[in-house]
């Protein structure tokens, strides 16, 4: 990993005017951006520097920062140190406070207490008033991914896109209340410390509460065995929601597949 530039380091509190960090350590977990722990006289921070745009298709930094700030204000996410509030277009650097804890692994998605803790955090998130941002529409995002896929794409692509479009239409027709959805509940985005923290808000959206449950089940099918416990902790009744949940699970699986293809990576079709 290339060391961060002096310009990027200067965004960290305590490192202005060429001051060197007390500690600079690459952090694992991300496959797109460069992420470091940076210690200075002002404290310990996480510095994220954008990876290449083609490796993070679908990311909107202004949207990410608005939703991250809302979650941080509710105690769900690390506080943003840079860019300052009101400078959502400040560039390719994000600095947050460093929180202590352990990242989740696959085992957590099979354990009821862990899933209940996650559900409780999602309940708090989904009760927040979403900012004035457009509602999430997965179909244009899917089309943007397809535009980046090499012409020699898998034969199943068209069939999968047709099913995805039907699912997107069905979800849009439901007209559910808007909620902030984290949208990427991968294990490396969940940090268990003094609380369960939600990290990495790149794919957060204004959507509906059921989308985050679908995200968990799409990424970790083993969690469905305890789906009612997760949903109950999140304040969501799953009775009568089988079709709605299945449509959202397919949306996440299809978008994840297309995301990998857009990055030139092999992936299993949904």
Protein backbone atom coordinates (compact mmCIF):
# COMPACT_ATOMS: atom_id res chain seq x y z
CA UNK A 1 0.00 0.00 0.00
CA UNK A 2 1.36 3.40 -0.99
CA UNK A 3 1.94 5.73 1.99
CA UNK A 4 -0.57 8.59 2.16
CA UNK A 5 0.50 11.92 0.75
CA UNK A 6 1.43 14.86 2.94
CA UNK A 7 -1.74 16.58 1.71
CA UNK A 8 -3.91 13.67 2.91
CA UNK A 9 -2.12 13.46 6.26
CA UNK A 10 -2.66 17.18 6.78
CA UNK A 11 -6.40 16.49 7.01
CA UNK A 12 -5.78 14.56 10.25
CA UNK A 13 -5.97 16.67 13.43
CA UNK A 14 -2.54 17.39 14.85
CA UNK A 15 -0.70 16.82 11.56
CA UNK A 16 -0.76 20.21 9.94
CA UNK A 17 2.36 22.08 8.80
CA UNK A 18 4.28 18.91 7.91
CA UNK A 19 4.06 17.27 11.34
CA UNK A 20 4.69 13.52 11.10
CA UNK A 21 2.26 11.00 12.62
CA UNK A 22 3.17 9.20 15.83
CA UNK A 23 1.81 6.01 14.26
CA UNK A 24 0.83 5.14 10.69
CA UNK A 25 -0.63 1.68 10.13
CA UNK A 26 -2.52 0.29 7.10
CA UNK A 27 -5.84 -1.25 8.10
CA UNK A 28 -7.29 -4.39 6.59
CA UNK A 29 -10.84 -5.00 5.49
CA UNK A 30 -11.33 -2.83 2.42
CA UNK A 31 -10.77 -3.92 -1.17
CA UNK A 32 -11.27 -0.53 -2.81
CA UNK A 33 -9.88 2.36 -0.79
CA UNK A 34 -6.64 2.87 1.12
CA UNK A 35 -7.33 2.94 4.86
CA UNK A 36 -4.90 3.76 7.66
CA UNK A 37 -4.80 4.19 11.39
CA UNK A 38 -3.12 7.50 12.10
CA UNK A 39 -2.07 8.63 15.59
CA UNK A 40 -1.12 12.22 16.33
CA UNK A 41 -0.86 14.42 19.39
CA UNK A 42 -4.59 15.08 18.90
CA UNK A 43 -5.63 11.42 19.14
CA UNK A 44 -6.17 8.32 17.02
CA UNK A 45 -8.02 8.47 13.71
CA UNK A 46 -8.93 6.48 10.61
CA UNK A 47 -7.81 8.00 7.31
CA UNK A 48 -9.48 6.78 4.12
CA UNK A 49 -8.20 7.75 0.70
CA UNK A 50 -10.37 7.02 -2.31
CA UNK A 51 -9.44 4.14 -4.56
CA UNK A 52 -9.87 4.40 -8.31
CA UNK A 53 -13.42 5.36 -9.33
CA UNK A 54 -13.87 2.22 -11.44
CA UNK A 55 -13.24 0.09 -8.35
CA UNK A 56 -16.09 1.74 -6.42
CA UNK A 57 -18.97 1.99 -8.93
CA UNK A 58 -22.17 3.49 -7.59
CA UNK A 59 -20.54 5.53 -4.82
CA UNK A 60 -21.79 9.08 -4.19
CA UNK A 61 -19.64 10.82 -1.60
CA UNK A 62 -22.11 13.61 -0.81
CA UNK A 63 -24.85 11.07 -0.10
CA UNK A 64 -22.47 8.91 1.92
CA UNK A 65 -21.38 11.80 4.12
CA UNK A 66 -24.93 13.03 4.75
CA UNK A 67 -26.10 9.59 5.87
CA UNK A 68 -22.91 8.84 7.82
CA UNK A 69 -23.29 12.13 9.71
CA UNK A 70 -26.90 11.29 10.58
CA UNK A 71 -25.88 7.86 11.88
CA UNK A 72 -22.93 9.27 13.82
CA UNK A 73 -25.17 11.83 15.50
CA UNK A 74 -27.30 8.90 16.71
CA UNK A 75 -24.27 7.05 18.09
CA UNK A 76 -24.30 4.38 15.40
CA UNK A 77 -21.15 5.26 13.47
CA UNK A 78 -17.76 6.89 14.11
CA UNK A 79 -17.75 10.67 14.12
CA UNK A 80 -16.50 12.35 10.94
CA UNK A 81 -13.52 14.62 11.57
CA UNK A 82 -12.84 15.62 7.96
CA UNK A 83 -14.34 16.99 5.76
CA UNK A 84 -16.06 19.57 7.95
CA UNK A 85 -19.84 19.69 7.87
CA UNK A 86 -21.02 21.64 4.87
CA UNK A 87 -18.05 20.61 2.73
CA UNK A 88 -19.45 17.34 1.40
CA UNK A 89 -17.66 17.77 -1.94
CA UNK A 90 -14.23 18.27 -0.38
CA UNK A 91 -12.42 15.56 -2.29
CA UNK A 92 -11.07 12.10 -1.85
CA UNK A 93 -10.16 12.05 1.84
CA UNK A 94 -12.26 11.00 4.83
CA UNK A 95 -11.05 11.13 8.45
CA UNK A 96 -13.06 9.62 11.29
CA UNK A 97 -12.45 8.90 14.94
CA UNK A 98 -10.87 5.52 15.67
CA UNK A 99 -13.12 3.18 17.64
CA UNK A 100 -11.82 0.17 19.53
CA UNK A 101 -13.27 -3.28 18.98
CA UNK A 102 -13.22 -6.36 16.80
CA UNK A 103 -14.64 -6.70 13.33
CA UNK A 104 -17.38 -9.27 12.90
CA UNK A 105 -16.75 -12.54 11.11
CA UNK A 106 -19.09 -15.10 9.54
CA UNK A 107 -19.78 -16.78 12.88
CA UNK A 108 -21.57 -13.69 14.16
CA UNK A 109 -24.24 -14.10 11.50
CA UNK A 110 -25.12 -17.53 12.90
CA UNK A 111 -25.41 -16.42 16.54
CA UNK A 112 -28.69 -15.10 17.91
CA UNK A 113 -27.19 -12.63 20.45
CA UNK A 114 -25.04 -11.05 17.73
CA UNK A 115 -27.96 -10.79 15.32
CA UNK A 116 -30.13 -9.29 18.03
CA UNK A 117 -27.49 -6.63 18.73
CA UNK A 118 -27.41 -5.86 15.03
CA UNK A 119 -31.20 -5.70 14.92
CA UNK A 120 -31.27 -3.24 17.81
CA UNK A 121 -28.81 -0.96 16.03
CA UNK A 122 -30.80 -1.18 12.81
CA UNK A 123 -33.98 -0.28 14.71
CA UNK A 124 -32.30 2.93 15.88
CA UNK A 125 -31.03 3.66 12.37
CA UNK A 126 -34.38 3.09 10.70
CA UNK A 127 -36.14 5.41 13.16
CA UNK A 128 -33.99 8.37 12.10
CA UNK A 129 -35.54 10.98 9.83
CA UNK A 130 -33.89 10.57 6.41
CA UNK A 131 -32.30 13.71 4.97
CA UNK A 132 -33.67 15.30 1.83
CA UNK A 133 -32.00 12.93 -0.61
CA UNK A 134 -33.46 10.95 -3.52
CA UNK A 135 -34.87 7.55 -2.62
CA UNK A 136 -32.80 4.54 -3.59
CA UNK A 137 -33.67 3.10 -7.00
CA UNK A 138 -31.56 -0.01 -7.64
CA UNK A 139 -32.44 -0.28 -11.33
CA UNK A 140 -30.46 2.77 -12.58
CA UNK A 141 -27.57 1.60 -10.40
CA UNK A 142 -27.70 -1.82 -12.07
CA UNK A 143 -27.69 -0.18 -15.50
CA UNK A 144 -24.65 1.90 -14.49
CA UNK A 145 -22.85 -1.29 -13.48
CA UNK A 146 -23.76 -2.94 -16.79
CA UNK A 147 -22.33 0.03 -18.68
CA UNK A 148 -18.95 -0.73 -17.08
CA UNK A 149 -19.02 -4.45 -17.84
CA UNK A 150 -16.86 -5.68 -20.68
CA UNK A 151 -18.78 -6.48 -23.87
CA UNK A 152 -17.97 -10.16 -23.41
CA UNK A 153 -20.40 -10.47 -20.52
CA UNK A 154 -21.96 -13.68 -19.19
CA UNK A 155 -24.86 -15.13 -21.24
CA UNK A 156 -27.07 -15.12 -18.14
CA UNK A 157 -26.80 -11.35 -17.82
CA UNK A 158 -29.93 -10.47 -19.77
CA UNK A 159 -32.07 -13.02 -17.95
CA UNK A 160 -30.81 -11.82 -14.58
CA UNK A 161 -31.42 -8.19 -15.51
CA UNK A 162 -35.01 -8.95 -16.50
CA UNK A 163 -35.66 -10.56 -13.13
CA UNK A 164 -33.89 -7.71 -11.35
CA UNK A 165 -36.01 -5.12 -13.14
CA UNK A 166 -39.21 -6.92 -12.11
CA UNK A 167 -38.03 -7.01 -8.48
CA UNK A 168 -37.17 -3.31 -8.57
CA UNK A 169 -40.60 -2.48 -9.96
CA UNK A 170 -42.33 -4.58 -7.30
CA UNK A 171 -40.39 -2.90 -4.50
CA UNK A 172 -41.09 0.59 -5.86
CA UNK A 173 -44.80 -0.18 -6.10
CA UNK A 174 -45.01 -1.04 -2.37
CA UNK A 175 -44.59 2.58 -1.30
CA UNK A 176 -43.08 1.82 2.10
CA UNK A 177 -42.02 4.60 4.50
CA UNK A 178 -38.53 5.95 3.87
CA UNK A 179 -35.69 4.98 6.18
CA UNK A 180 -31.94 5.32 6.17
CA UNK A 181 -30.51 1.93 5.18
CA UNK A 182 -26.85 1.09 5.65
CA UNK A 183 -26.95 -1.05 2.53
CA UNK A 184 -23.67 -2.94 2.92
CA UNK A 185 -23.79 -5.02 6.11
CA UNK A 186 -20.68 -7.02 5.33
CA UNK A 187 -18.72 -8.41 8.28
CA UNK A 188 -15.85 -5.95 7.93
CA UNK A 189 -18.36 -3.10 8.24
CA UNK A 190 -19.51 -4.17 11.71
CA UNK A 191 -17.29 -3.36 14.70
CA UNK A 192 -18.12 -4.78 18.12
CA UNK A 193 -16.72 -2.65 20.92
CA UNK A 194 -18.45 -0.82 23.74
CA UNK A 195 -21.34 -0.82 21.25
CA UNK A 196 -21.92 -2.32 17.82
CA UNK A 197 -20.72 0.27 15.32
CA UNK A 198 -21.74 0.44 11.67
CA UNK A 199 -18.77 1.33 9.45
CA UNK A 200 -18.32 2.22 5.77
CA UNK A 201 -21.35 4.18 4.57
CA UNK A 202 -20.39 4.22 0.88
CA UNK A 203 -23.54 2.39 -0.20
CA UNK A 204 -25.97 3.79 2.38
CA UNK A 205 -29.28 4.89 0.91
CA UNK A 206 -32.64 6.41 1.69
CA UNK A 207 -34.71 3.30 1.24
CA UNK A 208 -36.86 1.18 3.58
CA UNK A 209 -36.16 -0.85 6.71
CA UNK A 210 -36.65 -4.23 5.05
CA UNK A 211 -33.71 -3.56 2.71
CA UNK A 212 -31.13 -3.93 5.48
CA UNK A 213 -32.56 -7.29 6.55
CA UNK A 214 -32.43 -8.42 2.94
CA UNK A 215 -28.82 -7.26 2.72
CA UNK A 216 -27.86 -9.47 5.69
CA UNK A 217 -29.68 -12.49 4.24
CA UNK A 218 -28.21 -11.94 0.77
CA UNK A 219 -24.65 -11.79 2.08
CA UNK A 220 -25.07 -14.41 4.83
CA UNK A 221 -27.80 -16.96 4.04
CA UNK A 222 -27.10 -18.72 7.35
CA UNK A 223 -28.62 -15.72 9.14
CA UNK A 224 -32.06 -16.57 7.74
CA UNK A 225 -32.30 -19.43 10.25
CA UNK A 226 -32.60 -16.74 12.92
CA UNK A 227 -34.32 -14.20 10.72
CA UNK A 228 -37.28 -13.69 13.04
CA UNK A 229 -34.98 -12.91 15.96
CA UNK A 230 -33.06 -10.36 13.88
CA UNK A 231 -36.26 -8.82 12.54
CA UNK A 232 -37.90 -8.64 15.97
CA UNK A 233 -34.89 -6.81 17.40
CA UNK A 234 -35.07 -4.44 14.43
CA UNK A 235 -38.75 -3.79 15.07
CA UNK A 236 -39.84 -5.47 11.84
CA UNK A 237 -42.63 -8.05 11.60
CA UNK A 238 -41.80 -10.65 8.96
CA UNK A 239 -45.26 -12.20 8.85
CA UNK A 240 -46.63 -11.80 5.34
CA UNK A 241 -43.37 -10.32 4.05
CA UNK A 242 -41.93 -13.39 2.30
CA UNK A 243 -42.35 -12.07 -1.25
CA UNK A 244 -41.20 -8.54 -0.41
CA UNK A 245 -38.14 -9.88 1.38
CA UNK A 246 -37.31 -12.33 -1.42
CA UNK A 247 -37.42 -9.52 -3.99
CA UNK A 248 -35.00 -7.43 -1.94
CA UNK A 249 -32.66 -10.34 -1.34
CA UNK A 250 -32.48 -10.89 -5.09
CA UNK A 251 -31.82 -7.19 -5.65
CA UNK A 252 -28.83 -7.31 -3.31
CA UNK A 253 -27.47 -10.52 -4.79
CA UNK A 254 -27.83 -9.18 -8.32
CA UNK A 255 -26.28 -5.82 -7.50
CA UNK A 256 -23.37 -7.53 -5.74
CA UNK A 257 -22.82 -9.74 -8.80
CA UNK A 258 -22.95 -6.78 -11.19
CA UNK A 259 -20.63 -4.79 -8.90
CA UNK A 260 -17.98 -7.49 -9.20
CA UNK A 261 -18.43 -7.78 -12.96
CA UNK A 262 -18.12 -3.99 -13.33
CA UNK A 263 -14.75 -4.28 -11.57
CA UNK A 264 -13.62 -7.00 -13.96
CA UNK A 265 -13.94 -9.76 -11.34
CA UNK A 266 -15.51 -13.19 -11.62
CA UNK A 267 -18.61 -13.77 -9.51
CA UNK A 268 -21.41 -16.29 -9.25
CA UNK A 269 -24.67 -15.23 -10.88
CA UNK A 270 -27.57 -14.66 -8.44
